[in-house]
């Protein structure tokens, strides 16, 4: 079999984060991920979000264009993700506490 294996620790960690966030866009997910799990690139997070949509682990809730003063222009497109039908969150109590702390939820 060629390509990457269908299971991914990074994608499973994103499932755990979205389970508590309920919904989020790429950069927000990346910020929480880097606080809780080992360092990963933002590009890798976006890769796994897109791959997760194909595998139905994530679903796109909405796509919005937000105005602002960004380095690349005056508008940013934010894609909000939620858990999909194939997502299987199963985090430990220790990970749950770390995610909740990163989200500032008690």
PDB file of N, CA and C in Angstrom:
ATOM      1  N   UNK A   1       0.844  -1.181   0.000  1.00  0.00           N
ATOM      2  CA  UNK A   1       0.000   0.000   0.000  1.00  0.00           C
ATOM      3  C   UNK A   1       0.892   1.248   0.000  1.00  0.00           C
ATOM      4  N   UNK A   2       0.612   2.171  -0.877  1.00  0.00           N
ATOM      5  CA  UNK A   2       1.409   3.380  -0.993  1.00  0.00           C
ATOM      6  C   UNK A   2       0.773   4.515  -0.215  1.00  0.00           C
ATOM      7  N   UNK A   3       1.583   5.515   0.098  1.00  0.00           N
ATOM      8  CA  UNK A   3       1.082   6.694   0.800  1.00  0.00           C
ATOM      9  C   UNK A   3       1.125   6.520   2.305  1.00  0.00           C
ATOM     10  N   UNK A   4       0.528   7.468   2.969  1.00  0.00           N
ATOM     11  CA  UNK A   4       0.511   7.426   4.434  1.00  0.00           C
ATOM     12  C   UNK A   4      -0.538   6.446   4.935  1.00  0.00           C
ATOM     13  N   UNK A   5      -0.284   5.896   6.090  1.00  0.00           N
ATOM     14  CA  UNK A   5      -1.229   4.950   6.672  1.00  0.00           C
ATOM     15  C   UNK A   5      -2.507   5.697   7.088  1.00  0.00           C
ATOM     16  N   UNK A   6      -3.658   5.007   7.091  1.00  0.00           N
ATOM     17  CA  UNK A   6      -4.917   5.685   7.388  1.00  0.00           C
ATOM     18  C   UNK A   6      -5.038   6.186   8.833  1.00  0.00           C
ATOM     19  N   UNK A   7      -4.409   5.525   9.775  1.00  0.00           N
ATOM     20  CA  UNK A   7      -4.444   5.982  11.167  1.00  0.00           C
ATOM     21  C   UNK A   7      -3.331   6.993  11.394  1.00  0.00           C
ATOM     22  N   UNK A   8      -3.618   7.996  12.202  1.00  0.00           N
ATOM     23  CA  UNK A   8      -2.615   9.018  12.470  1.00  0.00           C
ATOM     24  C   UNK A   8      -2.764   9.509  13.908  1.00  0.00           C
ATOM     25  N   UNK A   9      -1.664   9.575  14.619  1.00  0.00           N
ATOM     26  CA  UNK A   9      -1.680  10.079  15.998  1.00  0.00           C
ATOM     27  C   UNK A   9      -2.030  11.566  16.012  1.00  0.00           C
ATOM     28  N   UNK A  10      -1.526  12.320  15.045  1.00  0.00           N
ATOM     29  CA  UNK A  10      -1.836  13.753  14.989  1.00  0.00           C
ATOM     30  C   UNK A  10      -3.326  13.960  14.760  1.00  0.00           C
ATOM     31  N   UNK A  11      -3.896  13.218  13.813  1.00  0.00           N
ATOM     32  CA  UNK A  11      -5.323  13.354  13.532  1.00  0.00           C
ATOM     33  C   UNK A  11      -6.167  12.938  14.738  1.00  0.00           C
ATOM     34  N   UNK A  12      -5.753  11.890  15.439  1.00  0.00           N
ATOM     35  CA  UNK A  12      -6.484  11.477  16.636  1.00  0.00           C
ATOM     36  C   UNK A  12      -6.404  12.545  17.719  1.00  0.00           C
ATOM     37  N   UNK A  13      -5.256  13.198  17.853  1.00  0.00           N
ATOM     38  CA  UNK A  13      -5.124  14.291  18.820  1.00  0.00           C
ATOM     39  C   UNK A  13      -6.042  15.458  18.454  1.00  0.00           C
ATOM     40  N   UNK A  14      -6.184  15.731  17.168  1.00  0.00           N
ATOM     41  CA  UNK A  14      -7.101  16.792  16.727  1.00  0.00           C
ATOM     42  C   UNK A  14      -8.543  16.410  17.061  1.00  0.00           C
ATOM     43  N   UNK A  15      -8.873  15.129  16.916  1.00  0.00           N
ATOM     44  CA  UNK A  15     -10.212  14.656  17.303  1.00  0.00           C
ATOM     45  C   UNK A  15     -10.458  14.940  18.781  1.00  0.00           C
ATOM     46  N   UNK A  16      -9.456  14.656  19.611  1.00  0.00           N
ATOM     47  CA  UNK A  16      -9.601  14.907  21.051  1.00  0.00           C
ATOM     48  C   UNK A  16      -9.828  16.391  21.322  1.00  0.00           C
ATOM     49  N   UNK A  17      -9.095  17.252  20.640  1.00  0.00           N
ATOM     50  CA  UNK A  17      -9.241  18.695  20.835  1.00  0.00           C
ATOM     51  C   UNK A  17     -10.622  19.154  20.391  1.00  0.00           C
ATOM     52  N   UNK A  18     -11.062  18.732  19.205  1.00  0.00           N
ATOM     53  CA  UNK A  18     -12.375  19.159  18.715  1.00  0.00           C
ATOM     54  C   UNK A  18     -13.521  18.611  19.554  1.00  0.00           C
ATOM     55  N   UNK A  19     -13.296  17.494  20.205  1.00  0.00           N
ATOM     56  CA  UNK A  19     -14.328  16.946  21.091  1.00  0.00           C
ATOM     57  C   UNK A  19     -14.678  17.950  22.190  1.00  0.00           C
ATOM     58  N   UNK A  20     -13.670  18.645  22.690  1.00  0.00           N
ATOM     59  CA  UNK A  20     -13.906  19.631  23.752  1.00  0.00           C
ATOM     60  C   UNK A  20     -14.194  21.022  23.209  1.00  0.00           C
ATOM     61  N   UNK A  21     -13.641  21.364  22.061  1.00  0.00           N
ATOM     62  CA  UNK A  21     -13.884  22.683  21.469  1.00  0.00           C
ATOM     63  C   UNK A  21     -15.269  22.765  20.833  1.00  0.00           C
ATOM     64  N   UNK A  22     -15.800  21.647  20.380  1.00  0.00           N
ATOM     65  CA  UNK A  22     -17.047  21.532  19.628  1.00  0.00           C
ATOM     66  C   UNK A  22     -16.870  21.981  18.180  1.00  0.00           C
ATOM     67  N   UNK A  23     -16.267  23.157  17.958  1.00  0.00           N
ATOM     68  CA  UNK A  23     -15.924  23.585  16.603  1.00  0.00           C
ATOM     69  C   UNK A  23     -14.726  24.513  16.684  1.00  0.00           C
ATOM     70  N   UNK A  24     -13.978  24.584  15.597  1.00  0.00           N
ATOM     71  CA  UNK A  24     -12.817  25.451  15.575  1.00  0.00           C
ATOM     72  C   UNK A  24     -12.230  25.527  14.184  1.00  0.00           C
ATOM     73  N   UNK A  25     -11.457  26.560  13.937  1.00  0.00           N
ATOM     74  CA  UNK A  25     -10.776  26.675  12.652  1.00  0.00           C
ATOM     75  C   UNK A  25      -9.300  26.319  12.838  1.00  0.00           C
ATOM     76  N   UNK A  26      -8.594  26.134  11.736  1.00  0.00           N
ATOM     77  CA  UNK A  26      -7.250  25.584  11.732  1.00  0.00           C
ATOM     78  C   UNK A  26      -6.284  26.205  12.722  1.00  0.00           C
ATOM     79  N   UNK A  27      -6.182  27.530  12.723  1.00  0.00           N
ATOM     80  CA  UNK A  27      -5.190  28.167  13.580  1.00  0.00           C
ATOM     81  C   UNK A  27      -5.530  28.011  15.058  1.00  0.00           C
ATOM     82  N   UNK A  28      -6.808  28.090  15.423  1.00  0.00           N
ATOM     83  CA  UNK A  28      -7.207  27.861  16.823  1.00  0.00           C
ATOM     84  C   UNK A  28      -6.864  26.447  17.269  1.00  0.00           C
ATOM     85  N   UNK A  29      -7.125  25.483  16.405  1.00  0.00           N
ATOM     86  CA  UNK A  29      -6.801  24.089  16.714  1.00  0.00           C
ATOM     87  C   UNK A  29      -5.296  23.938  16.883  1.00  0.00           C
ATOM     88  N   UNK A  30      -4.523  24.578  16.008  1.00  0.00           N
ATOM     89  CA  UNK A  30      -3.062  24.535  16.074  1.00  0.00           C
ATOM     90  C   UNK A  30      -2.556  25.104  17.400  1.00  0.00           C
ATOM     91  N   UNK A  31      -3.109  26.228  17.847  1.00  0.00           N
ATOM     92  CA  UNK A  31      -2.663  26.840  19.102  1.00  0.00           C
ATOM     93  C   UNK A  31      -2.889  25.910  20.282  1.00  0.00           C
ATOM     94  N   UNK A  32      -4.037  25.268  20.348  1.00  0.00           N
ATOM     95  CA  UNK A  32      -4.320  24.333  21.442  1.00  0.00           C
ATOM     96  C   UNK A  32      -3.418  23.113  21.325  1.00  0.00           C
ATOM     97  N   UNK A  33      -3.245  22.605  20.103  1.00  0.00           N
ATOM     98  CA  UNK A  33      -2.422  21.415  19.888  1.00  0.00           C
ATOM     99  C   UNK A  33      -1.008  21.626  20.418  1.00  0.00           C
ATOM    100  N   UNK A  34      -0.403  22.766  20.099  1.00  0.00           N
ATOM    101  CA  UNK A  34       0.976  23.004  20.515  1.00  0.00           C
ATOM    102  C   UNK A  34       1.119  23.184  22.024  1.00  0.00           C
ATOM    103  N   UNK A  35       0.045  23.524  22.718  1.00  0.00           N
ATOM    104  CA  UNK A  35       0.089  23.645  24.175  1.00  0.00           C
ATOM    105  C   UNK A  35      -0.036  22.285  24.850  1.00  0.00           C
ATOM    106  N   UNK A  36      -0.708  21.343  24.198  1.00  0.00           N
ATOM    107  CA  UNK A  36      -1.043  20.067  24.843  1.00  0.00           C
ATOM    108  C   UNK A  36      -0.142  18.914  24.377  1.00  0.00           C
ATOM    109  N   UNK A  37       0.137  18.843  23.101  1.00  0.00           N
ATOM    110  CA  UNK A  37       0.854  17.710  22.518  1.00  0.00           C
ATOM    111  C   UNK A  37       2.230  18.146  22.020  1.00  0.00           C
ATOM    112  N   UNK A  38       3.075  17.181  21.605  1.00  0.00           N
ATOM    113  CA  UNK A  38       4.394  17.540  21.067  1.00  0.00           C
ATOM    114  C   UNK A  38       4.268  18.474  19.862  1.00  0.00           C
ATOM    115  N   UNK A  39       5.297  19.279  19.679  1.00  0.00           N
ATOM    116  CA  UNK A  39       5.273  20.297  18.634  1.00  0.00           C
ATOM    117  C   UNK A  39       5.039  19.688  17.255  1.00  0.00           C
ATOM    118  N   UNK A  40       4.225  20.385  16.478  1.00  0.00           N
ATOM    119  CA  UNK A  40       3.894  19.971  15.123  1.00  0.00           C
ATOM    120  C   UNK A  40       3.766  21.235  14.281  1.00  0.00           C
ATOM    121  N   UNK A  41       3.984  21.118  12.984  1.00  0.00           N
ATOM    122  CA  UNK A  41       3.882  22.300  12.129  1.00  0.00           C
ATOM    123  C   UNK A  41       2.422  22.616  11.813  1.00  0.00           C
ATOM    124  N   UNK A  42       2.172  23.870  11.522  1.00  0.00           N
ATOM    125  CA  UNK A  42       0.820  24.280  11.163  1.00  0.00           C
ATOM    126  C   UNK A  42       0.400  23.600   9.854  1.00  0.00           C
ATOM    127  N   UNK A  43       1.348  23.436   8.953  1.00  0.00           N
ATOM    128  CA  UNK A  43       1.070  22.767   7.687  1.00  0.00           C
ATOM    129  C   UNK A  43       0.567  21.343   7.926  1.00  0.00           C
ATOM    130  N   UNK A  44       1.152  20.652   8.893  1.00  0.00           N
ATOM    131  CA  UNK A  44       0.735  19.300   9.222  1.00  0.00           C
ATOM    132  C   UNK A  44      -0.693  19.280   9.778  1.00  0.00           C
ATOM    133  N   UNK A  45      -1.026  20.262  10.604  1.00  0.00           N
ATOM    134  CA  UNK A  45      -2.394  20.352  11.144  1.00  0.00           C
ATOM    135  C   UNK A  45      -3.393  20.508  10.003  1.00  0.00           C
ATOM    136  N   UNK A  46      -3.107  21.417   9.064  1.00  0.00           N
ATOM    137  CA  UNK A  46      -4.020  21.626   7.935  1.00  0.00           C
ATOM    138  C   UNK A  46      -4.101  20.386   7.052  1.00  0.00           C
ATOM    139  N   UNK A  47      -2.988  19.680   6.862  1.00  0.00           N
ATOM    140  CA  UNK A  47      -3.007  18.435   6.092  1.00  0.00           C
ATOM    141  C   UNK A  47      -3.965  17.439   6.751  1.00  0.00           C
ATOM    142  N   UNK A  48      -3.829  17.269   8.067  1.00  0.00           N
ATOM    143  CA  UNK A  48      -4.652  16.277   8.763  1.00  0.00           C
ATOM    144  C   UNK A  48      -6.111  16.700   8.860  1.00  0.00           C
ATOM    145  N   UNK A  49      -6.385  17.990   8.916  1.00  0.00           N
ATOM    146  CA  UNK A  49      -7.773  18.444   8.881  1.00  0.00           C
ATOM    147  C   UNK A  49      -8.401  18.083   7.535  1.00  0.00           C
ATOM    148  N   UNK A  50      -7.686  18.354   6.439  1.00  0.00           N
ATOM    149  CA  UNK A  50      -8.208  18.020   5.112  1.00  0.00           C
ATOM    150  C   UNK A  50      -8.358  16.519   4.926  1.00  0.00           C
ATOM    151  N   UNK A  51      -7.375  15.758   5.379  1.00  0.00           N
ATOM    152  CA  UNK A  51      -7.437  14.300   5.285  1.00  0.00           C
ATOM    153  C   UNK A  51      -8.588  13.761   6.140  1.00  0.00           C
ATOM    154  N   UNK A  52      -8.778  14.353   7.316  1.00  0.00           N
ATOM    155  CA  UNK A  52      -9.865  13.941   8.199  1.00  0.00           C
ATOM    156  C   UNK A  52     -11.236  14.207   7.599  1.00  0.00           C
ATOM    157  N   UNK A  53     -11.370  15.274   6.822  1.00  0.00           N
ATOM    158  CA  UNK A  53     -12.639  15.546   6.134  1.00  0.00           C
ATOM    159  C   UNK A  53     -12.903  14.438   5.111  1.00  0.00           C
ATOM    160  N   UNK A  54     -11.869  14.027   4.382  1.00  0.00           N
ATOM    161  CA  UNK A  54     -12.030  12.938   3.406  1.00  0.00           C
ATOM    162  C   UNK A  54     -12.409  11.624   4.075  1.00  0.00           C
ATOM    163  N   UNK A  55     -11.853  11.379   5.275  1.00  0.00           N
ATOM    164  CA  UNK A  55     -12.143  10.142   6.016  1.00  0.00           C
ATOM    165  C   UNK A  55     -13.392  10.265   6.892  1.00  0.00           C
ATOM    166  N   UNK A  56     -14.049  11.420   6.849  1.00  0.00           N
ATOM    167  CA  UNK A  56     -15.256  11.731   7.628  1.00  0.00           C
ATOM    168  C   UNK A  56     -15.006  11.709   9.134  1.00  0.00           C
ATOM    169  N   UNK A  57     -13.765  11.972   9.540  1.00  0.00           N
ATOM    170  CA  UNK A  57     -13.480  12.151  10.955  1.00  0.00           C
ATOM    171  C   UNK A  57     -13.812  13.576  11.365  1.00  0.00           C
ATOM    172  N   UNK A  58     -13.736  14.504  10.403  1.00  0.00           N
ATOM    173  CA  UNK A  58     -14.098  15.901  10.618  1.00  0.00           C
ATOM    174  C   UNK A  58     -15.128  16.305   9.577  1.00  0.00           C
ATOM    175  N   UNK A  59     -15.925  17.280   9.932  1.00  0.00           N
ATOM    176  CA  UNK A  59     -16.904  17.838   8.997  1.00  0.00           C
ATOM    177  C   UNK A  59     -16.706  19.346   8.964  1.00  0.00           C
ATOM    178  N   UNK A  60     -16.921  19.931   7.807  1.00  0.00           N
ATOM    179  CA  UNK A  60     -16.829  21.386   7.684  1.00  0.00           C
ATOM    180  C   UNK A  60     -18.172  21.960   8.082  1.00  0.00           C
ATOM    181  N   UNK A  61     -18.164  22.801   9.134  1.00  0.00           N
ATOM    182  CA  UNK A  61     -19.405  23.411   9.595  1.00  0.00           C
ATOM    183  C   UNK A  61     -19.744  24.647   8.777  1.00  0.00           C
ATOM    184  N   UNK A  62     -18.750  25.507   8.591  1.00  0.00           N
ATOM    185  CA  UNK A  62     -18.990  26.706   7.785  1.00  0.00           C
ATOM    186  C   UNK A  62     -17.661  27.276   7.322  1.00  0.00           C
ATOM    187  N   UNK A  63     -17.746  28.073   6.281  1.00  0.00           N
ATOM    188  CA  UNK A  63     -16.587  28.791   5.759  1.00  0.00           C
ATOM    189  C   UNK A  63     -16.959  30.269   5.784  1.00  0.00           C
ATOM    190  N   UNK A  64     -16.142  31.051   6.470  1.00  0.00           N
ATOM    191  CA  UNK A  64     -16.449  32.478   6.555  1.00  0.00           C
ATOM    192  C   UNK A  64     -15.253  33.304   6.121  1.00  0.00           C
ATOM    193  N   UNK A  65     -15.541  34.444   5.564  1.00  0.00           N
ATOM    194  CA  UNK A  65     -14.499  35.397   5.196  1.00  0.00           C
ATOM    195  C   UNK A  65     -14.569  36.535   6.201  1.00  0.00           C
ATOM    196  N   UNK A  66     -13.445  36.769   6.871  1.00  0.00           N
ATOM    197  CA  UNK A  66     -13.403  37.798   7.901  1.00  0.00           C
ATOM    198  C   UNK A  66     -12.449  38.903   7.498  1.00  0.00           C
ATOM    199  N   UNK A  67     -12.917  40.124   7.656  1.00  0.00           N
ATOM    200  CA  UNK A  67     -12.114  41.295   7.318  1.00  0.00           C
ATOM    201  C   UNK A  67     -11.141  41.590   8.448  1.00  0.00           C
ATOM    202  N   UNK A  68      -9.988  42.121   8.088  1.00  0.00           N
ATOM    203  CA  UNK A  68      -8.985  42.469   9.078  1.00  0.00           C
ATOM    204  C   UNK A  68      -7.742  43.006   8.393  1.00  0.00           C
ATOM    205  N   UNK A  69      -6.747  43.308   9.175  1.00  0.00           N
ATOM    206  CA  UNK A  69      -5.493  43.822   8.644  1.00  0.00           C
ATOM    207  C   UNK A  69      -4.444  42.709   8.747  1.00  0.00           C
ATOM    208  N   UNK A  70      -4.383  41.855   7.738  1.00  0.00           N
ATOM    209  CA  UNK A  70      -3.482  40.713   7.736  1.00  0.00           C
ATOM    210  C   UNK A  70      -2.278  41.011   6.856  1.00  0.00           C
ATOM    211  N   UNK A  71      -1.204  40.273   7.055  1.00  0.00           N
ATOM    212  CA  UNK A  71       0.014  40.493   6.272  1.00  0.00           C
ATOM    213  C   UNK A  71      -0.206  40.177   4.790  1.00  0.00           C
ATOM    214  N   UNK A  72      -1.178  39.330   4.478  1.00  0.00           N
ATOM    215  CA  UNK A  72      -1.422  38.942   3.088  1.00  0.00           C
ATOM    216  C   UNK A  72      -2.559  39.734   2.448  1.00  0.00           C
ATOM    217  N   UNK A  73      -3.235  40.573   3.208  1.00  0.00           N
ATOM    218  CA  UNK A  73      -4.327  41.360   2.637  1.00  0.00           C
ATOM    219  C   UNK A  73      -5.343  41.760   3.679  1.00  0.00           C
ATOM    220  N   UNK A  74      -6.528  42.076   3.213  1.00  0.00           N
ATOM    221  CA  UNK A  74      -7.554  42.603   4.115  1.00  0.00           C
ATOM    222  C   UNK A  74      -8.623  41.578   4.475  1.00  0.00           C
ATOM    223  N   UNK A  75      -8.466  40.324   4.023  1.00  0.00           N
ATOM    224  CA  UNK A  75      -9.497  39.330   4.274  1.00  0.00           C
ATOM    225  C   UNK A  75      -8.871  37.963   4.533  1.00  0.00           C
ATOM    226  N   UNK A  76      -9.472  37.216   5.430  1.00  0.00           N
ATOM    227  CA  UNK A  76      -9.020  35.856   5.730  1.00  0.00           C
ATOM    228  C   UNK A  76     -10.209  34.909   5.629  1.00  0.00           C
ATOM    229  N   UNK A  77      -9.958  33.744   5.044  1.00  0.00           N
ATOM    230  CA  UNK A  77     -11.001  32.727   4.959  1.00  0.00           C
ATOM    231  C   UNK A  77     -10.793  31.735   6.102  1.00  0.00           C
ATOM    232  N   UNK A  78     -11.811  31.551   6.910  1.00  0.00           N
ATOM    233  CA  UNK A  78     -11.722  30.614   8.031  1.00  0.00           C
ATOM    234  C   UNK A  78     -12.688  29.462   7.788  1.00  0.00           C
ATOM    235  N   UNK A  79     -12.143  28.258   7.846  1.00  0.00           N
ATOM    236  CA  UNK A  79     -12.950  27.054   7.685  1.00  0.00           C
ATOM    237  C   UNK A  79     -13.131  26.450   9.075  1.00  0.00           C
ATOM    238  N   UNK A  80     -14.371  26.379   9.534  1.00  0.00           N
ATOM    239  CA  UNK A  80     -14.678  25.848  10.859  1.00  0.00           C
ATOM    240  C   UNK A  80     -14.994  24.357  10.754  1.00  0.00           C
ATOM    241  N   UNK A  81     -14.313  23.570  11.591  1.00  0.00           N
ATOM    242  CA  UNK A  81     -14.451  22.113  11.595  1.00  0.00           C
ATOM    243  C   UNK A  81     -15.176  21.651  12.857  1.00  0.00           C
ATOM    244  N   UNK A  82     -15.906  20.560  12.728  1.00  0.00           N
ATOM    245  CA  UNK A  82     -16.511  19.858  13.858  1.00  0.00           C
ATOM    246  C   UNK A  82     -16.167  18.375  13.694  1.00  0.00           C
ATOM    247  N   UNK A  83     -16.538  17.578  14.667  1.00  0.00           N
ATOM    248  CA  UNK A  83     -16.298  16.138  14.556  1.00  0.00           C
ATOM    249  C   UNK A  83     -17.255  15.527  13.543  1.00  0.00           C
ATOM    250  N   UNK A  84     -16.736  14.584  12.771  1.00  0.00           N
ATOM    251  CA  UNK A  84     -17.543  13.886  11.783  1.00  0.00           C
ATOM    252  C   UNK A  84     -18.061  12.564  12.319  1.00  0.00           C
ATOM    253  N   UNK A  85     -18.731  11.849  11.462  1.00  0.00           N
ATOM    254  CA  UNK A  85     -19.369  10.593  11.882  1.00  0.00           C
ATOM    255  C   UNK A  85     -18.375   9.485  12.213  1.00  0.00           C
ATOM    256  N   UNK A  86     -17.170   9.524  11.663  1.00  0.00           N
ATOM    257  CA  UNK A  86     -16.173   8.483  11.930  1.00  0.00           C
ATOM    258  C   UNK A  86     -15.195   8.843  13.044  1.00  0.00           C
ATOM    259  N   UNK A  87     -15.389   9.969  13.692  1.00  0.00           N
ATOM    260  CA  UNK A  87     -14.491  10.382  14.781  1.00  0.00           C
ATOM    261  C   UNK A  87     -14.741   9.507  16.004  1.00  0.00           C
ATOM    262  N   UNK A  88     -13.670   9.091  16.635  1.00  0.00           N
ATOM    263  CA  UNK A  88     -13.746   8.255  17.840  1.00  0.00           C
ATOM    264  C   UNK A  88     -12.892   8.859  18.941  1.00  0.00           C
ATOM    265  N   UNK A  89     -13.404   9.877  19.667  1.00  0.00           N
ATOM    266  CA  UNK A  89     -12.612  10.454  20.764  1.00  0.00           C
ATOM    267  C   UNK A  89     -12.477   9.452  21.907  1.00  0.00           C
ATOM    268  N   UNK A  90     -11.269   9.364  22.459  1.00  0.00           N
ATOM    269  CA  UNK A  90     -11.032   8.414  23.552  1.00  0.00           C
ATOM    270  C   UNK A  90      -9.842   8.866  24.385  1.00  0.00           C
ATOM    271  N   UNK A  91      -9.877  10.088  24.852  1.00  0.00           N
ATOM    272  CA  UNK A  91      -8.696  10.612  25.548  1.00  0.00           C
ATOM    273  C   UNK A  91      -8.687  10.210  27.024  1.00  0.00           C
ATOM    274  N   UNK A  92      -7.486  10.183  27.562  1.00  0.00           N
ATOM    275  CA  UNK A  92      -7.312   9.850  28.967  1.00  0.00           C
ATOM    276  C   UNK A  92      -7.652  11.076  29.822  1.00  0.00           C
ATOM    277  N   UNK A  93      -7.770  10.860  31.097  1.00  0.00           N
ATOM    278  CA  UNK A  93      -8.081  11.951  32.028  1.00  0.00           C
ATOM    279  C   UNK A  93      -6.970  13.004  32.026  1.00  0.00           C
ATOM    280  N   UNK A  94      -5.740  12.560  31.929  1.00  0.00           N
ATOM    281  CA  UNK A  94      -4.597  13.484  31.920  1.00  0.00           C
ATOM    282  C   UNK A  94      -4.642  14.395  30.687  1.00  0.00           C
ATOM    283  N   UNK A  95      -4.921  13.807  29.534  1.00  0.00           N
ATOM    284  CA  UNK A  95      -5.006  14.593  28.299  1.00  0.00           C
ATOM    285  C   UNK A  95      -6.206  15.521  28.358  1.00  0.00           C
ATOM    286  N   UNK A  96      -7.322  15.038  28.883  1.00  0.00           N
ATOM    287  CA  UNK A  96      -8.524  15.861  29.004  1.00  0.00           C
ATOM    288  C   UNK A  96      -8.237  17.105  29.831  1.00  0.00           C
ATOM    289  N   UNK A  97      -7.529  16.933  30.944  1.00  0.00           N
ATOM    290  CA  UNK A  97      -7.202  18.069  31.803  1.00  0.00           C
ATOM    291  C   UNK A  97      -6.300  19.065  31.082  1.00  0.00           C
ATOM    292  N   UNK A  98      -5.334  18.557  30.322  1.00  0.00           N
ATOM    293  CA  UNK A  98      -4.442  19.450  29.576  1.00  0.00           C
ATOM    294  C   UNK A  98      -5.208  20.246  28.520  1.00  0.00           C
ATOM    295  N   UNK A  99      -6.110  19.570  27.815  1.00  0.00           N
ATOM    296  CA  UNK A  99      -6.897  20.263  26.797  1.00  0.00           C
ATOM    297  C   UNK A  99      -7.790  21.308  27.442  1.00  0.00           C
ATOM    298  N   UNK A 100      -8.444  20.956  28.529  1.00  0.00           N
ATOM    299  CA  UNK A 100      -9.338  21.893  29.219  1.00  0.00           C
ATOM    300  C   UNK A 100      -8.537  23.107  29.713  1.00  0.00           C
ATOM    301  N   UNK A 101      -7.336  22.871  30.228  1.00  0.00           N
ATOM    302  CA  UNK A 101      -6.489  23.972  30.680  1.00  0.00           C
ATOM    303  C   UNK A 101      -6.112  24.867  29.513  1.00  0.00           C
ATOM    304  N   UNK A 102      -5.775  24.256  28.390  1.00  0.00           N
ATOM    305  CA  UNK A 102      -5.402  25.035  27.193  1.00  0.00           C
ATOM    306  C   UNK A 102      -6.593  25.834  26.683  1.00  0.00           C
ATOM    307  N   UNK A 103      -7.785  25.303  26.831  1.00  0.00           N
ATOM    308  CA  UNK A 103      -8.991  26.021  26.394  1.00  0.00           C
ATOM    309  C   UNK A 103      -9.516  26.963  27.468  1.00  0.00           C
ATOM    310  N   UNK A 104      -8.886  26.917  28.639  1.00  0.00           N
ATOM    311  CA  UNK A 104      -9.283  27.730  29.785  1.00  0.00           C
ATOM    312  C   UNK A 104     -10.715  27.428  30.246  1.00  0.00           C
ATOM    313  N   UNK A 105     -11.015  26.120  30.252  1.00  0.00           N
ATOM    314  CA  UNK A 105     -12.306  25.644  30.727  1.00  0.00           C
ATOM    315  C   UNK A 105     -12.032  24.805  31.970  1.00  0.00           C
ATOM    316  N   UNK A 106     -12.788  25.001  33.020  1.00  0.00           N
ATOM    317  CA  UNK A 106     -12.573  24.183  34.217  1.00  0.00           C
ATOM    318  C   UNK A 106     -13.664  23.168  34.408  1.00  0.00           C
TER     319      UNK A 106
END
